Amino acid sequence: MTRVAPPWHKAAMSWDVDLVRLGESASRIPHHFDARVVGEFGAIKAQLSQLIEPLTWVDGTGRWEEGSCLFACSLWRGRTMSTHGDVDAISLWIRGHGEPMPCIARICRALDVVACDVGQMTLLDLEDPAPIGWTRFRNGNRPGLRAIRGGRSERSLKA
């Protein structure tokens, strides 16, 4: 039997969520902050592989499907994607039409990290099944996409 990829499988845009360990809780992420080390690359990769089945790793990027969502993740140290050593952030790229929060919450609780909606620059409430950033993404209400369709530059989005 040939497996057919869901129509959103090759979608160009994703909902981006970073998992970090902060020093203090806040309702918004400051523009500049020092994330604490989450763990060592090999240990985090092993923990994620136990939490998520099946999880496939290719060149330091993990991929899996869950709840009608396609997830991809990578591990970072500062501004560099890591394949060894300490990791201070886990980036998730999520596509699809399902509910990603149960998976995000499971990872956050297991690794003792918080989830940040990169587009909204807010911490996610792990109990909220449909955060505003995911709802907007899923419904196609994304400022970046509107700017592309409307011909505005990214610079005009920040104004």
C-alpha atoms as a PDB file:
ATOM      1  CA  MET A   1       0.000   0.000   0.000  1.00  0.00           C
ATOM      2  CA  THR A   2       1.375   3.409  -0.979  1.00  0.00           C
ATOM      3  CA  ARG A   3       1.134   6.094   1.646  1.00  0.00           C
ATOM      4  CA  VAL A   4      -0.296   9.364   0.394  1.00  0.00           C
ATOM      5  CA  ALA A   5       0.942  12.530   2.118  1.00  0.00           C
ATOM      6  CA  PRO A   6      -1.766  14.818   3.465  1.00  0.00           C
ATOM      7  CA  PRO A   7      -2.364  17.971   1.362  1.00  0.00           C
ATOM      8  CA  TRP A   8      -0.687  20.195   3.972  1.00  0.00           C
ATOM      9  CA  HIS A   9       2.448  18.034   4.000  1.00  0.00           C
ATOM     10  CA  LYS A  10       4.323  20.325   1.612  1.00  0.00           C
ATOM     11  CA  ALA A  11       2.858  23.577   2.888  1.00  0.00           C
ATOM     12  CA  ALA A  12       5.487  26.305   2.790  1.00  0.00           C
ATOM     13  CA  MET A  13       4.413  28.061   5.978  1.00  0.00           C
ATOM     14  CA  SER A  14       4.406  26.688   9.492  1.00  0.00           C
ATOM     15  CA  TRP A  15       3.367  27.765  12.977  1.00  0.00           C
ATOM     16  CA  ASP A  16       6.635  28.270  14.832  1.00  0.00           C
ATOM     17  CA  VAL A  17       7.000  27.489  18.532  1.00  0.00           C
ATOM     18  CA  ASP A  18      10.225  27.613  20.540  1.00  0.00           C
ATOM     19  CA  LEU A  19      10.640  25.571  23.703  1.00  0.00           C
ATOM     20  CA  VAL A  20      12.985  27.265  26.175  1.00  0.00           C
ATOM     21  CA  ARG A  21      13.846  27.305  29.853  1.00  0.00           C
ATOM     22  CA  LEU A  22      13.523  30.826  31.270  1.00  0.00           C
ATOM     23  CA  GLY A  23      14.641  32.172  34.607  1.00  0.00           C
ATOM     24  CA  GLU A  24      11.274  33.721  35.455  1.00  0.00           C
ATOM     25  CA  SER A  25       7.695  33.275  34.264  1.00  0.00           C
ATOM     26  CA  ALA A  26       6.221  36.077  32.186  1.00  0.00           C
ATOM     27  CA  SER A  27       3.239  36.614  29.948  1.00  0.00           C
ATOM     28  CA  ARG A  28       5.454  37.961  27.146  1.00  0.00           C
ATOM     29  CA  ILE A  29       8.932  37.001  26.077  1.00  0.00           C
ATOM     30  CA  PRO A  30      11.395  39.914  26.246  1.00  0.00           C
ATOM     31  CA  HIS A  31      13.147  40.751  22.979  1.00  0.00           C
ATOM     32  CA  HIS A  32      16.514  39.809  24.465  1.00  0.00           C
ATOM     33  CA  PHE A  33      16.788  37.097  27.076  1.00  0.00           C
ATOM     34  CA  ASP A  34      19.259  34.471  28.108  1.00  0.00           C
ATOM     35  CA  ALA A  35      17.685  31.061  27.835  1.00  0.00           C
ATOM     36  CA  ARG A  36      19.000  28.533  30.270  1.00  0.00           C
ATOM     37  CA  VAL A  37      20.459  25.283  29.022  1.00  0.00           C
ATOM     38  CA  VAL A  38      17.725  22.684  28.475  1.00  0.00           C
ATOM     39  CA  GLY A  39      20.185  19.792  28.274  1.00  0.00           C
ATOM     40  CA  GLU A  40      22.760  18.014  26.177  1.00  0.00           C
ATOM     41  CA  PHE A  41      21.895  17.267  22.536  1.00  0.00           C
ATOM     42  CA  GLY A  42      22.078  13.470  22.815  1.00  0.00           C
ATOM     43  CA  ALA A  43      20.003  13.375  26.024  1.00  0.00           C
ATOM     44  CA  ILE A  44      17.278  15.652  24.605  1.00  0.00           C
ATOM     45  CA  LYS A  45      17.168  13.700  21.362  1.00  0.00           C
ATOM     46  CA  ALA A  46      16.754  10.472  23.374  1.00  0.00           C
ATOM     47  CA  GLN A  47      13.994  11.994  25.560  1.00  0.00           C
ATOM     48  CA  LEU A  48      12.094  13.259  22.520  1.00  0.00           C
ATOM     49  CA  SER A  49      12.447   9.875  20.830  1.00  0.00           C
ATOM     50  CA  GLN A  50      10.879   8.212  23.917  1.00  0.00           C
ATOM     51  CA  LEU A  51       8.038  10.763  24.120  1.00  0.00           C
ATOM     52  CA  ILE A  52       7.120  10.701  20.445  1.00  0.00           C
ATOM     53  CA  GLU A  53       6.616   7.609  18.327  1.00  0.00           C
ATOM     54  CA  PRO A  54       7.488   7.333  15.559  1.00  0.00           C
ATOM     55  CA  LEU A  55      10.034  10.139  15.494  1.00  0.00           C
ATOM     56  CA  THR A  56      12.517  10.171  12.604  1.00  0.00           C
ATOM     57  CA  TRP A  57      15.807  12.061  12.879  1.00  0.00           C
ATOM     58  CA  VAL A  58      17.580  13.226   9.700  1.00  0.00           C
ATOM     59  CA  ASP A  59      20.613  15.537   9.876  1.00  0.00           C
ATOM     60  CA  GLY A  60      19.688  16.829  13.348  1.00  0.00           C
ATOM     61  CA  THR A  61      16.030  17.499  12.515  1.00  0.00           C
ATOM     62  CA  GLY A  62      13.246  15.379  13.973  1.00  0.00           C
ATOM     63  CA  ARG A  63       9.962  14.774  12.135  1.00  0.00           C
ATOM     64  CA  TRP A  64       6.680  13.170  13.175  1.00  0.00           C
ATOM     65  CA  GLU A  65       2.924  13.270  12.674  1.00  0.00           C
ATOM     66  CA  GLU A  66       0.414  13.494  15.484  1.00  0.00           C
ATOM     67  CA  GLY A  67      -3.180  14.676  15.743  1.00  0.00           C
ATOM     68  CA  SER A  68      -3.477  15.650  12.047  1.00  0.00           C
ATOM     69  CA  CYS A  69      -0.370  17.816  12.413  1.00  0.00           C
ATOM     70  CA  LEU A  70       3.063  17.436  10.887  1.00  0.00           C
ATOM     71  CA  PHE A  71       5.850  18.440  13.284  1.00  0.00           C
ATOM     72  CA  ALA A  72       9.514  19.142  12.648  1.00  0.00           C
ATOM     73  CA  CYS A  73      12.002  20.121  15.326  1.00  0.00           C
ATOM     74  CA  SER A  74      15.608  21.137  15.662  1.00  0.00           C
ATOM     75  CA  LEU A  75      17.832  21.782  18.665  1.00  0.00           C
ATOM     76  CA  TRP A  76      19.703  25.078  19.054  1.00  0.00           C
ATOM     77  CA  ARG A  77      22.562  26.603  21.004  1.00  0.00           C
ATOM     78  CA  GLY A  78      22.368  30.361  20.652  1.00  0.00           C
ATOM     79  CA  ARG A  79      21.803  31.152  16.980  1.00  0.00           C
ATOM     80  CA  THR A  80      23.336  27.917  15.737  1.00  0.00           C
ATOM     81  CA  MET A  81      21.507  24.666  15.057  1.00  0.00           C
ATOM     82  CA  SER A  82      23.155  22.077  17.244  1.00  0.00           C
ATOM     83  CA  THR A  83      24.027  18.449  16.613  1.00  0.00           C
ATOM     84  CA  HIS A  84      26.063  18.052  19.821  1.00  0.00           C
ATOM     85  CA  GLY A  85      26.769  19.789  23.126  1.00  0.00           C
ATOM     86  CA  ASP A  86      24.410  21.926  25.175  1.00  0.00           C
ATOM     87  CA  VAL A  87      21.025  22.971  23.806  1.00  0.00           C
ATOM     88  CA  ASP A  88      19.151  26.087  24.947  1.00  0.00           C
ATOM     89  CA  ALA A  89      16.134  25.963  22.618  1.00  0.00           C
ATOM     90  CA  ILE A  90      14.025  23.469  20.725  1.00  0.00           C
ATOM     91  CA  SER A  91      12.297  24.881  17.660  1.00  0.00           C
ATOM     92  CA  LEU A  92       9.056  23.303  16.468  1.00  0.00           C
ATOM     93  CA  TRP A  93       7.581  23.921  13.029  1.00  0.00           C
ATOM     94  CA  ILE A  94       3.980  22.770  12.850  1.00  0.00           C
ATOM     95  CA  ARG A  95       1.699  22.350   9.844  1.00  0.00           C
ATOM     96  CA  GLY A  96      -1.748  20.864   9.481  1.00  0.00           C
ATOM     97  CA  HIS A  97      -5.281  21.266  10.722  1.00  0.00           C
ATOM     98  CA  GLY A  98      -5.312  19.283  13.948  1.00  0.00           C
ATOM     99  CA  GLU A  99      -4.623  20.127  17.566  1.00  0.00           C
ATOM    100  CA  PRO A 100      -0.886  20.394  18.330  1.00  0.00           C
ATOM    101  CA  MET A 101      -1.197  21.516  21.962  1.00  0.00           C
ATOM    102  CA  PRO A 102      -1.391  18.056  23.584  1.00  0.00           C
ATOM    103  CA  CYS A 103       1.940  17.138  21.986  1.00  0.00           C
ATOM    104  CA  ILE A 104       3.525  20.508  22.838  1.00  0.00           C
ATOM    105  CA  ALA A 105       2.305  20.261  26.452  1.00  0.00           C
ATOM    106  CA  ARG A 106       3.643  16.698  26.793  1.00  0.00           C
ATOM    107  CA  ILE A 107       7.098  17.776  25.608  1.00  0.00           C
ATOM    108  CA  CYS A 108       7.124  20.895  27.812  1.00  0.00           C
ATOM    109  CA  ARG A 109       6.196  18.978  30.938  1.00  0.00           C
ATOM    110  CA  ALA A 110       8.722  16.204  30.282  1.00  0.00           C
ATOM    111  CA  LEU A 111      11.611  18.604  29.588  1.00  0.00           C
ATOM    112  CA  ASP A 112      10.552  21.302  32.091  1.00  0.00           C
ATOM    113  CA  VAL A 113      10.446  24.031  29.440  1.00  0.00           C
ATOM    114  CA  VAL A 114       7.954  26.699  28.347  1.00  0.00           C
ATOM    115  CA  ALA A 115       6.523  27.115  24.861  1.00  0.00           C
ATOM    116  CA  CYS A 116       6.765  30.459  23.090  1.00  0.00           C
ATOM    117  CA  ASP A 117       4.619  31.333  20.070  1.00  0.00           C
ATOM    118  CA  VAL A 118       7.320  32.924  17.927  1.00  0.00           C
ATOM    119  CA  GLY A 119       4.840  34.924  15.816  1.00  0.00           C
ATOM    120  CA  GLN A 120       2.991  36.355  18.818  1.00  0.00           C
ATOM    121  CA  MET A 121       6.073  36.493  21.115  1.00  0.00           C
ATOM    122  CA  THR A 122       3.960  35.160  23.969  1.00  0.00           C
ATOM    123  CA  LEU A 123       4.209  32.147  26.193  1.00  0.00           C
ATOM    124  CA  LEU A 124       1.618  29.492  25.443  1.00  0.00           C
ATOM    125  CA  ASP A 125      -0.846  28.339  28.074  1.00  0.00           C
ATOM    126  CA  LEU A 126      -0.380  24.568  27.981  1.00  0.00           C
ATOM    127  CA  GLU A 127      -4.002  24.095  29.070  1.00  0.00           C
ATOM    128  CA  ASP A 128      -5.393  26.143  26.145  1.00  0.00           C
ATOM    129  CA  PRO A 129      -6.303  23.701  23.353  1.00  0.00           C
ATOM    130  CA  ALA A 130      -6.451  26.449  20.689  1.00  0.00           C
ATOM    131  CA  PRO A 131      -4.032  29.329  21.340  1.00  0.00           C
ATOM    132  CA  ILE A 132      -4.621  32.438  19.263  1.00  0.00           C
ATOM    133  CA  GLY A 133      -1.430  31.981  17.206  1.00  0.00           C
ATOM    134  CA  TRP A 134      -2.410  28.436  16.159  1.00  0.00           C
ATOM    135  CA  THR A 135      -6.010  29.472  15.478  1.00  0.00           C
ATOM    136  CA  ARG A 136      -4.852  32.334  13.256  1.00  0.00           C
ATOM    137  CA  PHE A 137      -2.327  30.124  11.481  1.00  0.00           C
ATOM    138  CA  ARG A 138      -4.813  27.329  10.864  1.00  0.00           C
ATOM    139  CA  ASN A 139      -7.433  29.773   9.586  1.00  0.00           C
ATOM    140  CA  GLY A 140      -4.970  31.500   7.251  1.00  0.00           C
ATOM    141  CA  ASN A 141      -4.975  34.760   9.229  1.00  0.00           C
ATOM    142  CA  ARG A 142      -1.235  35.402   9.222  1.00  0.00           C
ATOM    143  CA  PRO A 143       0.228  38.919   8.863  1.00  0.00           C
ATOM    144  CA  GLY A 144       3.179  37.612   6.813  1.00  0.00           C
ATOM    145  CA  LEU A 145       0.901  35.785   4.394  1.00  0.00           C
ATOM    146  CA  ARG A 146      -1.389  38.817   4.098  1.00  0.00           C
ATOM    147  CA  ALA A 147       1.648  40.998   3.331  1.00  0.00           C
ATOM    148  CA  ILE A 148       2.798  38.636   0.597  1.00  0.00           C
ATOM    149  CA  ARG A 149      -0.674  38.534  -0.922  1.00  0.00           C
ATOM    150  CA  GLY A 150      -1.058  42.299  -0.555  1.00  0.00           C
ATOM    151  CA  GLY A 151       2.406  43.152  -1.845  1.00  0.00           C
ATOM    152  CA  ARG A 152       3.603  44.818   1.375  1.00  0.00           C
ATOM    153  CA  SER A 153       7.166  44.366   2.462  1.00  0.00           C
ATOM    154  CA  GLU A 154       8.091  42.733   5.749  1.00  0.00           C
ATOM    155  CA  ARG A 155       9.434  46.114   6.885  1.00  0.00           C
ATOM    156  CA  SER A 156       5.925  47.597   6.617  1.00  0.00           C
ATOM    157  CA  LEU A 157       4.649  44.837   8.911  1.00  0.00           C
ATOM    158  CA  LYS A 158       6.824  46.105  11.749  1.00  0.00           C
ATOM    159  CA  ALA A 159       5.622  49.680  11.434  1.00  0.00           C
END
